[in-house]
Amino acid sequence: MGLVLVSLLILIGVTVYLFVYARDPQSFLFRNILMLLTGLFLLILFFFFIGLLAMTSTILGNRSFPGMDWLIDKTLLLLFPVVIALGRLFQIAQDKIQRSFIEVNNQLVRARRQRVHARQYLILLPHCLQRDSCPHKITLSTDNCQKCGRCQVGEILDLAAEKGVNVEVVAGGTMARRALTQHDPQAVVAVACERDLSSGVLDSFPLAVIGVVNQRPQGPCLNTRVDMGALQEALSIQLEHLEQAKGAR
């Protein structure tokens, strides 16, 4: 959020710079072009400022505001590449920025209190959760899992069956997009590394995606794990509201 604010300050600086030079009377055409650019930057600034204000209010108030979701999503989508570039400039680890983005996204999804039926919910898992030595490839079908206990996939499948939600194990963004097309969910819990989660969340807008960062005791993409408590909490964010709604009827 701090880097998003820095991005806005940079845009303000560019706008002021253009405005000062637009007052130079040397060339009528040049002056008009600069004034047009200044107006465009002011419009962009206003757009991003309202988006940042709505984002902050949503997170702090833990509630969404009518008509603001689209603006918040666009602000995140358009400013995220700028934030990544600023992170490199300030020598901030990219994983740290991506993890922060995932947490902001999760807070926004939580605040929107979306009600989703279990059949319209999807858990996306990375193939690296499965033991690399396992001969039963579950990217073809999760039914191939023998639930031997050597990895957490069997435990996650049991949790999904208990909740009545769908599960897909994917190996990369192409398979993830195919799974989304096949199931057409209204909400997703995705387990992956920071890079894959952040890019997946951005690619999936405006679909509600809760990200759970995996654990990598043996390094990236090899026998990874997931905090089951964090996964259950993420899964309950939308489903718990459905249960409350049923109880109120």
C-alpha atoms as a PDB file:
ATOM      1  CA  MET A   1       0.000   0.000   0.000  1.00  0.00           C
ATOM      2  CA  GLY A   2       2.946   2.284   0.719  1.00  0.00           C
ATOM      3  CA  LEU A   3       4.405   1.643  -2.734  1.00  0.00           C
ATOM      4  CA  VAL A   4       1.012   2.353  -4.315  1.00  0.00           C
ATOM      5  CA  LEU A   5       1.046   5.720  -2.520  1.00  0.00           C
ATOM      6  CA  VAL A   6       4.577   6.384  -3.795  1.00  0.00           C
ATOM      7  CA  SER A   7       3.328   5.615  -7.309  1.00  0.00           C
ATOM      8  CA  LEU A   8       0.636   8.255  -6.910  1.00  0.00           C
ATOM      9  CA  LEU A   9       3.192  10.794  -5.643  1.00  0.00           C
ATOM     10  CA  ILE A  10       5.298  10.154  -8.741  1.00  0.00           C
ATOM     11  CA  LEU A  11       2.262  10.761 -10.932  1.00  0.00           C
ATOM     12  CA  ILE A  12       1.595  13.995  -9.051  1.00  0.00           C
ATOM     13  CA  GLY A  13       5.188  15.052  -9.703  1.00  0.00           C
ATOM     14  CA  VAL A  14       4.853  14.327 -13.430  1.00  0.00           C
ATOM     15  CA  THR A  15       1.575  16.275 -13.549  1.00  0.00           C
ATOM     16  CA  VAL A  16       3.109  19.318 -11.842  1.00  0.00           C
ATOM     17  CA  TYR A  17       6.097  19.151 -14.190  1.00  0.00           C
ATOM     18  CA  LEU A  18       3.813  19.089 -17.249  1.00  0.00           C
ATOM     19  CA  PHE A  19       1.690  21.939 -15.897  1.00  0.00           C
ATOM     20  CA  VAL A  20       4.725  24.184 -15.307  1.00  0.00           C
ATOM     21  CA  TYR A  21       6.042  23.595 -18.817  1.00  0.00           C
ATOM     22  CA  ALA A  22       2.581  24.028 -20.322  1.00  0.00           C
ATOM     23  CA  ARG A  23       2.630  27.650 -19.146  1.00  0.00           C
ATOM     24  CA  ASP A  24       5.684  28.372 -21.294  1.00  0.00           C
ATOM     25  CA  PRO A  25       4.416  30.747 -24.021  1.00  0.00           C
ATOM     26  CA  GLN A  26       7.061  29.732 -26.604  1.00  0.00           C
ATOM     27  CA  SER A  27       4.787  27.544 -28.711  1.00  0.00           C
ATOM     28  CA  PHE A  28       0.999  27.580 -28.850  1.00  0.00           C
ATOM     29  CA  LEU A  29       0.807  23.999 -30.187  1.00  0.00           C
ATOM     30  CA  PHE A  30       3.367  22.689 -27.672  1.00  0.00           C
ATOM     31  CA  ARG A  31       1.520  24.451 -24.845  1.00  0.00           C
ATOM     32  CA  ASN A  32      -1.822  22.936 -25.839  1.00  0.00           C
ATOM     33  CA  ILE A  33      -0.361  19.439 -26.093  1.00  0.00           C
ATOM     34  CA  LEU A  34       1.156  19.772 -22.626  1.00  0.00           C
ATOM     35  CA  MET A  35      -2.109  21.096 -21.208  1.00  0.00           C
ATOM     36  CA  LEU A  36      -3.900  18.101 -22.728  1.00  0.00           C
ATOM     37  CA  LEU A  37      -1.352  15.739 -21.171  1.00  0.00           C
ATOM     38  CA  THR A  38      -1.686  17.546 -17.841  1.00  0.00           C
ATOM     39  CA  GLY A  39      -5.463  17.102 -17.926  1.00  0.00           C
ATOM     40  CA  LEU A  40      -5.032  13.419 -18.773  1.00  0.00           C
ATOM     41  CA  PHE A  41      -2.643  12.884 -15.848  1.00  0.00           C
ATOM     42  CA  LEU A  42      -5.031  14.725 -13.506  1.00  0.00           C
ATOM     43  CA  LEU A  43      -7.822  12.390 -14.601  1.00  0.00           C
ATOM     44  CA  ILE A  44      -5.623   9.324 -14.017  1.00  0.00           C
ATOM     45  CA  LEU A  45      -4.572  10.696 -10.619  1.00  0.00           C
ATOM     46  CA  PHE A  46      -8.187  11.229  -9.601  1.00  0.00           C
ATOM     47  CA  PHE A  47      -9.049   7.674 -10.711  1.00  0.00           C
ATOM     48  CA  PHE A  48      -6.183   6.124  -8.727  1.00  0.00           C
ATOM     49  CA  PHE A  49      -6.715   8.350  -5.676  1.00  0.00           C
ATOM     50  CA  ILE A  50     -10.381   7.348  -5.381  1.00  0.00           C
ATOM     51  CA  GLY A  51      -9.379   3.708  -5.935  1.00  0.00           C
ATOM     52  CA  LEU A  52      -6.734   3.859  -3.187  1.00  0.00           C
ATOM     53  CA  LEU A  53      -9.152   5.613  -0.825  1.00  0.00           C
ATOM     54  CA  ALA A  54     -11.837   2.996  -1.495  1.00  0.00           C
ATOM     55  CA  MET A  55      -9.294   0.191  -1.027  1.00  0.00           C
ATOM     56  CA  THR A  56      -8.093   1.562   2.311  1.00  0.00           C
ATOM     57  CA  SER A  57     -11.645   2.179   3.552  1.00  0.00           C
ATOM     58  CA  THR A  58     -12.708  -1.341   2.538  1.00  0.00           C
ATOM     59  CA  ILE A  59      -9.805  -2.985   4.383  1.00  0.00           C
ATOM     60  CA  LEU A  60      -9.988  -0.823   7.518  1.00  0.00           C
ATOM     61  CA  GLY A  61     -13.782  -0.970   7.720  1.00  0.00           C
ATOM     62  CA  ASN A  62     -13.953  -4.646   6.687  1.00  0.00           C
ATOM     63  CA  ARG A  63     -16.876  -3.829   4.409  1.00  0.00           C
ATOM     64  CA  SER A  64     -17.293  -3.065   0.731  1.00  0.00           C
ATOM     65  CA  PHE A  65     -18.844   0.061  -0.724  1.00  0.00           C
ATOM     66  CA  PRO A  66     -21.408  -0.087  -3.571  1.00  0.00           C
ATOM     67  CA  GLY A  67     -19.867   0.520  -6.991  1.00  0.00           C
ATOM     68  CA  MET A  68     -16.283   0.627  -5.703  1.00  0.00           C
ATOM     69  CA  ASP A  69     -15.201  -2.974  -6.368  1.00  0.00           C
ATOM     70  CA  TRP A  70     -14.509  -2.380 -10.066  1.00  0.00           C
ATOM     71  CA  LEU A  71     -12.486   0.745  -9.316  1.00  0.00           C
ATOM     72  CA  ILE A  72     -10.438  -1.023  -6.631  1.00  0.00           C
ATOM     73  CA  ASP A  73      -9.708  -3.964  -8.943  1.00  0.00           C
ATOM     74  CA  LYS A  74      -8.579  -1.665 -11.758  1.00  0.00           C
ATOM     75  CA  THR A  75      -6.364   0.330  -9.391  1.00  0.00           C
ATOM     76  CA  LEU A  76      -4.625  -2.848  -8.249  1.00  0.00           C
ATOM     77  CA  LEU A  77      -4.363  -4.196 -11.777  1.00  0.00           C
ATOM     78  CA  LEU A  78      -2.857  -1.030 -13.276  1.00  0.00           C
ATOM     79  CA  LEU A  79      -0.572  -0.006 -10.412  1.00  0.00           C
ATOM     80  CA  PHE A  80       0.850  -3.443  -9.577  1.00  0.00           C
ATOM     81  CA  PRO A  81       3.513  -3.356 -12.357  1.00  0.00           C
ATOM     82  CA  VAL A  82       4.525   0.141 -11.187  1.00  0.00           C
ATOM     83  CA  VAL A  83       4.788  -1.110  -7.602  1.00  0.00           C
ATOM     84  CA  ILE A  84       6.992  -4.024  -8.710  1.00  0.00           C
ATOM     85  CA  ALA A  85       9.273  -1.598 -10.603  1.00  0.00           C
ATOM     86  CA  LEU A  86       9.497   0.676  -7.553  1.00  0.00           C
ATOM     87  CA  GLY A  87      10.318  -2.343  -5.396  1.00  0.00           C
ATOM     88  CA  ARG A  88      13.289  -3.122  -7.642  1.00  0.00           C
ATOM     89  CA  LEU A  89      14.368   0.520  -7.439  1.00  0.00           C
ATOM     90  CA  PHE A  90      14.227   0.477  -3.623  1.00  0.00           C
ATOM     91  CA  GLN A  91      15.736  -3.042  -3.527  1.00  0.00           C
ATOM     92  CA  ILE A  92      12.693  -4.611  -1.884  1.00  0.00           C
ATOM     93  CA  ALA A  93      12.412  -8.361  -2.457  1.00  0.00           C
ATOM     94  CA  GLN A  94       9.820  -9.135  -5.120  1.00  0.00           C
ATOM     95  CA  ASP A  95       8.408 -12.041  -3.091  1.00  0.00           C
ATOM     96  CA  LYS A  96       7.754  -9.640  -0.212  1.00  0.00           C
ATOM     97  CA  ILE A  97       5.799  -7.257  -2.450  1.00  0.00           C
ATOM     98  CA  GLN A  98       3.841 -10.110  -4.013  1.00  0.00           C
ATOM     99  CA  ARG A  99       3.027 -11.573  -0.593  1.00  0.00           C
ATOM    100  CA  SER A 100       1.786  -8.152   0.527  1.00  0.00           C
ATOM    101  CA  PHE A 101      -0.355  -7.875  -2.612  1.00  0.00           C
ATOM    102  CA  ILE A 102      -1.878 -11.305  -1.922  1.00  0.00           C
ATOM    103  CA  GLU A 103      -2.731 -10.275   1.636  1.00  0.00           C
ATOM    104  CA  VAL A 104      -4.352  -7.023   0.428  1.00  0.00           C
ATOM    105  CA  ASN A 105      -6.363  -9.009  -2.122  1.00  0.00           C
ATOM    106  CA  ASN A 106      -7.454 -11.522   0.554  1.00  0.00           C
ATOM    107  CA  GLN A 107      -8.584  -8.699   2.843  1.00  0.00           C
ATOM    108  CA  LEU A 108     -10.620  -7.167   0.017  1.00  0.00           C
ATOM    109  CA  VAL A 109     -12.300 -10.498  -0.803  1.00  0.00           C
ATOM    110  CA  ARG A 110     -13.053 -11.027   2.879  1.00  0.00           C
ATOM    111  CA  ALA A 111     -14.594  -7.545   3.187  1.00  0.00           C
ATOM    112  CA  ARG A 112     -16.897  -8.112   0.213  1.00  0.00           C
ATOM    113  CA  ARG A 113     -18.631 -10.964   2.041  1.00  0.00           C
ATOM    114  CA  GLN A 114     -19.564 -12.823  -1.121  1.00  0.00           C
ATOM    115  CA  ARG A 115     -21.957 -15.757  -0.671  1.00  0.00           C
ATOM    116  CA  VAL A 116     -20.934 -18.760  -2.744  1.00  0.00           C
ATOM    117  CA  HIS A 117     -22.476 -22.221  -2.882  1.00  0.00           C
ATOM    118  CA  ALA A 118     -19.998 -25.065  -2.398  1.00  0.00           C
ATOM    119  CA  ARG A 119     -20.664 -26.373  -5.923  1.00  0.00           C
ATOM    120  CA  GLN A 120     -19.528 -23.011  -7.309  1.00  0.00           C
ATOM    121  CA  TYR A 121     -16.287 -23.048  -5.340  1.00  0.00           C
ATOM    122  CA  LEU A 122     -12.935 -24.343  -6.599  1.00  0.00           C
ATOM    123  CA  ILE A 123      -9.654 -25.198  -4.873  1.00  0.00           C
ATOM    124  CA  LEU A 124      -6.640 -24.888  -7.161  1.00  0.00           C
ATOM    125  CA  LEU A 125      -3.534 -26.776  -6.049  1.00  0.00           C
ATOM    126  CA  PRO A 126      -0.022 -26.784  -7.550  1.00  0.00           C
ATOM    127  CA  HIS A 127       1.296 -30.147  -8.755  1.00  0.00           C
ATOM    128  CA  CYS A 128       4.407 -29.687  -6.575  1.00  0.00           C
ATOM    129  CA  LEU A 129       2.306 -30.519  -3.480  1.00  0.00           C
ATOM    130  CA  GLN A 130       2.479 -34.134  -4.625  1.00  0.00           C
ATOM    131  CA  ARG A 131       5.626 -36.130  -3.820  1.00  0.00           C
ATOM    132  CA  ASP A 132       7.950 -35.990  -6.805  1.00  0.00           C
ATOM    133  CA  SER A 133       8.442 -39.766  -6.590  1.00  0.00           C
ATOM    134  CA  CYS A 134       4.715 -40.577  -6.684  1.00  0.00           C
ATOM    135  CA  PRO A 135       3.736 -42.524  -9.845  1.00  0.00           C
ATOM    136  CA  HIS A 136       0.056 -41.527  -9.642  1.00  0.00           C
ATOM    137  CA  LYS A 137      -0.192 -38.278 -11.580  1.00  0.00           C
ATOM    138  CA  ILE A 138      -3.083 -36.302 -10.152  1.00  0.00           C
ATOM    139  CA  THR A 139      -2.876 -33.497 -12.710  1.00  0.00           C
ATOM    140  CA  LEU A 140      -4.805 -35.870 -14.982  1.00  0.00           C
ATOM    141  CA  SER A 141      -7.424 -36.571 -12.315  1.00  0.00           C
ATOM    142  CA  THR A 142      -7.505 -36.129  -8.539  1.00  0.00           C
ATOM    143  CA  ASP A 143      -9.178 -39.557  -8.415  1.00  0.00           C
ATOM    144  CA  ASN A 144      -5.721 -41.004  -9.089  1.00  0.00           C
ATOM    145  CA  CYS A 145      -4.584 -39.972  -5.607  1.00  0.00           C
ATOM    146  CA  GLN A 146      -4.099 -43.031  -3.380  1.00  0.00           C
ATOM    147  CA  LYS A 147      -4.223 -40.939  -0.171  1.00  0.00           C
ATOM    148  CA  CYS A 148      -1.131 -42.702   1.141  1.00  0.00           C
ATOM    149  CA  GLY A 149      -0.242 -39.833   3.487  1.00  0.00           C
ATOM    150  CA  ARG A 150       3.194 -39.171   1.992  1.00  0.00           C
ATOM    151  CA  CYS A 151       1.980 -35.714   0.938  1.00  0.00           C
ATOM    152  CA  GLN A 152      -0.947 -33.475   1.888  1.00  0.00           C
ATOM    153  CA  VAL A 153      -3.002 -33.957  -1.262  1.00  0.00           C
ATOM    154  CA  GLY A 154      -5.129 -36.748   0.232  1.00  0.00           C
ATOM    155  CA  GLU A 155      -5.879 -34.652   3.312  1.00  0.00           C
ATOM    156  CA  ILE A 156      -6.912 -31.688   1.125  1.00  0.00           C
ATOM    157  CA  LEU A 157      -9.139 -33.926  -1.003  1.00  0.00           C
ATOM    158  CA  ASP A 158     -10.857 -35.189   2.155  1.00  0.00           C
ATOM    159  CA  LEU A 159     -11.386 -31.580   3.304  1.00  0.00           C
ATOM    160  CA  ALA A 160     -12.831 -30.650  -0.090  1.00  0.00           C
ATOM    161  CA  ALA A 161     -15.161 -33.657  -0.044  1.00  0.00           C
ATOM    162  CA  GLU A 162     -16.344 -32.691   3.433  1.00  0.00           C
ATOM    163  CA  LYS A 163     -17.102 -29.137   2.269  1.00  0.00           C
ATOM    164  CA  GLY A 164     -18.515 -30.252  -1.077  1.00  0.00           C
ATOM    165  CA  VAL A 165     -16.152 -28.122  -3.177  1.00  0.00           C
ATOM    166  CA  ASN A 166     -14.275 -28.981  -6.373  1.00  0.00           C
ATOM    167  CA  VAL A 167     -10.508 -29.511  -6.516  1.00  0.00           C
ATOM    168  CA  GLU A 168      -8.080 -29.311  -9.428  1.00  0.00           C
ATOM    169  CA  VAL A 169      -4.331 -29.922  -9.384  1.00  0.00           C
ATOM    170  CA  VAL A 170      -2.573 -27.862 -12.057  1.00  0.00           C
ATOM    171  CA  ALA A 171       0.917 -27.496 -13.443  1.00  0.00           C
ATOM    172  CA  GLY A 172       1.129 -23.870 -14.493  1.00  0.00           C
ATOM    173  CA  GLY A 173      -1.047 -20.991 -15.614  1.00  0.00           C
ATOM    174  CA  THR A 174      -2.404 -22.665 -18.759  1.00  0.00           C
ATOM    175  CA  MET A 175      -3.850 -25.593 -16.814  1.00  0.00           C
ATOM    176  CA  ALA A 176      -5.199 -23.192 -14.172  1.00  0.00           C
ATOM    177  CA  ARG A 177      -7.047 -21.160 -16.817  1.00  0.00           C
ATOM    178  CA  ARG A 178      -8.404 -24.388 -18.325  1.00  0.00           C
ATOM    179  CA  ALA A 179      -9.695 -25.460 -14.895  1.00  0.00           C
ATOM    180  CA  LEU A 180     -11.416 -22.096 -14.426  1.00  0.00           C
ATOM    181  CA  THR A 181     -13.062 -22.399 -17.837  1.00  0.00           C
ATOM    182  CA  GLN A 182     -14.177 -25.966 -17.094  1.00  0.00           C
ATOM    183  CA  HIS A 183     -15.642 -25.300 -13.632  1.00  0.00           C
ATOM    184  CA  ASP A 184     -16.662 -21.641 -14.107  1.00  0.00           C
ATOM    185  CA  PRO A 185     -16.489 -21.000 -10.334  1.00  0.00           C
ATOM    186  CA  GLN A 186     -17.721 -17.922  -8.508  1.00  0.00           C
ATOM    187  CA  ALA A 187     -14.851 -18.105  -6.014  1.00  0.00           C
ATOM    188  CA  VAL A 188     -11.462 -19.798  -5.801  1.00  0.00           C
ATOM    189  CA  VAL A 189      -8.922 -20.716  -3.148  1.00  0.00           C
ATOM    190  CA  ALA A 190      -5.529 -21.044  -4.816  1.00  0.00           C
ATOM    191  CA  VAL A 191      -2.357 -22.487  -3.286  1.00  0.00           C
ATOM    192  CA  ALA A 192       0.907 -21.507  -4.957  1.00  0.00           C
ATOM    193  CA  CYS A 193       4.100 -19.481  -4.589  1.00  0.00           C
ATOM    194  CA  GLU A 194       3.958 -15.677  -4.391  1.00  0.00           C
ATOM    195  CA  ARG A 195       4.746 -15.146  -8.076  1.00  0.00           C
ATOM    196  CA  ASP A 196       2.115 -17.573  -9.387  1.00  0.00           C
ATOM    197  CA  LEU A 197      -0.521 -16.368  -6.933  1.00  0.00           C
ATOM    198  CA  SER A 198      -0.072 -12.673  -7.711  1.00  0.00           C
ATOM    199  CA  SER A 199      -0.142 -13.247 -11.478  1.00  0.00           C
ATOM    200  CA  GLY A 200      -3.117 -15.600 -11.112  1.00  0.00           C
ATOM    201  CA  VAL A 201      -5.094 -13.111  -9.037  1.00  0.00           C
ATOM    202  CA  LEU A 202      -4.419 -10.365 -11.582  1.00  0.00           C
ATOM    203  CA  ASP A 203      -5.347 -12.600 -14.530  1.00  0.00           C
ATOM    204  CA  SER A 204      -8.581 -13.686 -12.820  1.00  0.00           C
ATOM    205  CA  PHE A 205     -10.050 -10.248 -12.023  1.00  0.00           C
ATOM    206  CA  PRO A 206     -12.904  -9.773 -11.196  1.00  0.00           C
ATOM    207  CA  LEU A 207     -13.195 -13.386  -9.959  1.00  0.00           C
ATOM    208  CA  ALA A 208     -12.806 -13.629  -6.181  1.00  0.00           C
ATOM    209  CA  VAL A 209      -9.555 -15.510  -5.498  1.00  0.00           C
ATOM    210  CA  ILE A 210      -8.157 -16.159  -2.021  1.00  0.00           C
ATOM    211  CA  GLY A 211      -4.427 -16.880  -2.155  1.00  0.00           C
ATOM    212  CA  VAL A 212      -2.599 -19.200   0.244  1.00  0.00           C
ATOM    213  CA  VAL A 213       1.190 -19.109  -0.083  1.00  0.00           C
ATOM    214  CA  ASN A 214       2.744 -22.570  -0.049  1.00  0.00           C
ATOM    215  CA  GLN A 215       5.664 -23.704   2.085  1.00  0.00           C
ATOM    216  CA  ARG A 216       8.868 -24.721   0.312  1.00  0.00           C
ATOM    217  CA  PRO A 217      11.106 -26.700   2.708  1.00  0.00           C
ATOM    218  CA  GLN A 218      13.002 -28.266  -0.223  1.00  0.00           C
ATOM    219  CA  GLY A 219      12.988 -25.189  -2.444  1.00  0.00           C
ATOM    220  CA  PRO A 220      10.628 -23.989  -5.185  1.00  0.00           C
ATOM    221  CA  CYS A 221       8.423 -26.470  -7.080  1.00  0.00           C
ATOM    222  CA  LEU A 222       9.571 -29.565  -5.155  1.00  0.00           C
ATOM    223  CA  ASN A 223       7.572 -31.403  -2.488  1.00  0.00           C
ATOM    224  CA  THR A 224       5.949 -28.204  -1.265  1.00  0.00           C
ATOM    225  CA  ARG A 225       3.445 -28.053   1.590  1.00  0.00           C
ATOM    226  CA  VAL A 226       0.578 -25.865   2.756  1.00  0.00           C
ATOM    227  CA  ASP A 227      -0.574 -24.715   6.171  1.00  0.00           C
ATOM    228  CA  MET A 228      -3.848 -26.638   6.542  1.00  0.00           C
ATOM    229  CA  GLY A 229      -5.161 -24.154   9.098  1.00  0.00           C
ATOM    230  CA  ALA A 230      -4.616 -21.285   6.644  1.00  0.00           C
ATOM    231  CA  LEU A 231      -6.269 -23.297   3.868  1.00  0.00           C
ATOM    232  CA  GLN A 232      -9.343 -24.063   5.978  1.00  0.00           C
ATOM    233  CA  GLU A 233      -9.619 -20.424   7.029  1.00  0.00           C
ATOM    234  CA  ALA A 234      -9.363 -19.273   3.398  1.00  0.00           C
ATOM    235  CA  LEU A 235     -11.974 -21.819   2.338  1.00  0.00           C
ATOM    236  CA  SER A 236     -14.414 -20.637   4.986  1.00  0.00           C
ATOM    237  CA  ILE A 237     -14.326 -16.950   3.989  1.00  0.00           C
ATOM    238  CA  GLN A 238     -17.150 -17.188   1.461  1.00  0.00           C
ATOM    239  CA  LEU A 239     -18.729 -20.476   2.568  1.00  0.00           C
ATOM    240  CA  GLU A 240     -19.320 -19.309   6.148  1.00  0.00           C
ATOM    241  CA  HIS A 241     -21.479 -16.454   4.895  1.00  0.00           C
ATOM    242  CA  LEU A 242     -23.566 -18.912   2.915  1.00  0.00           C
ATOM    243  CA  GLU A 243     -24.127 -20.951   6.077  1.00  0.00           C
ATOM    244  CA  GLN A 244     -25.112 -17.811   7.979  1.00  0.00           C
ATOM    245  CA  ALA A 245     -27.534 -16.884   5.197  1.00  0.00           C
ATOM    246  CA  LYS A 246     -29.140 -20.346   5.353  1.00  0.00           C
ATOM    247  CA  GLY A 247     -29.530 -20.056   9.106  1.00  0.00           C
ATOM    248  CA  ALA A 248     -31.243 -16.697   8.748  1.00  0.00           C
ATOM    249  CA  ARG A 249     -33.938 -18.074   6.411  1.00  0.00           C
END
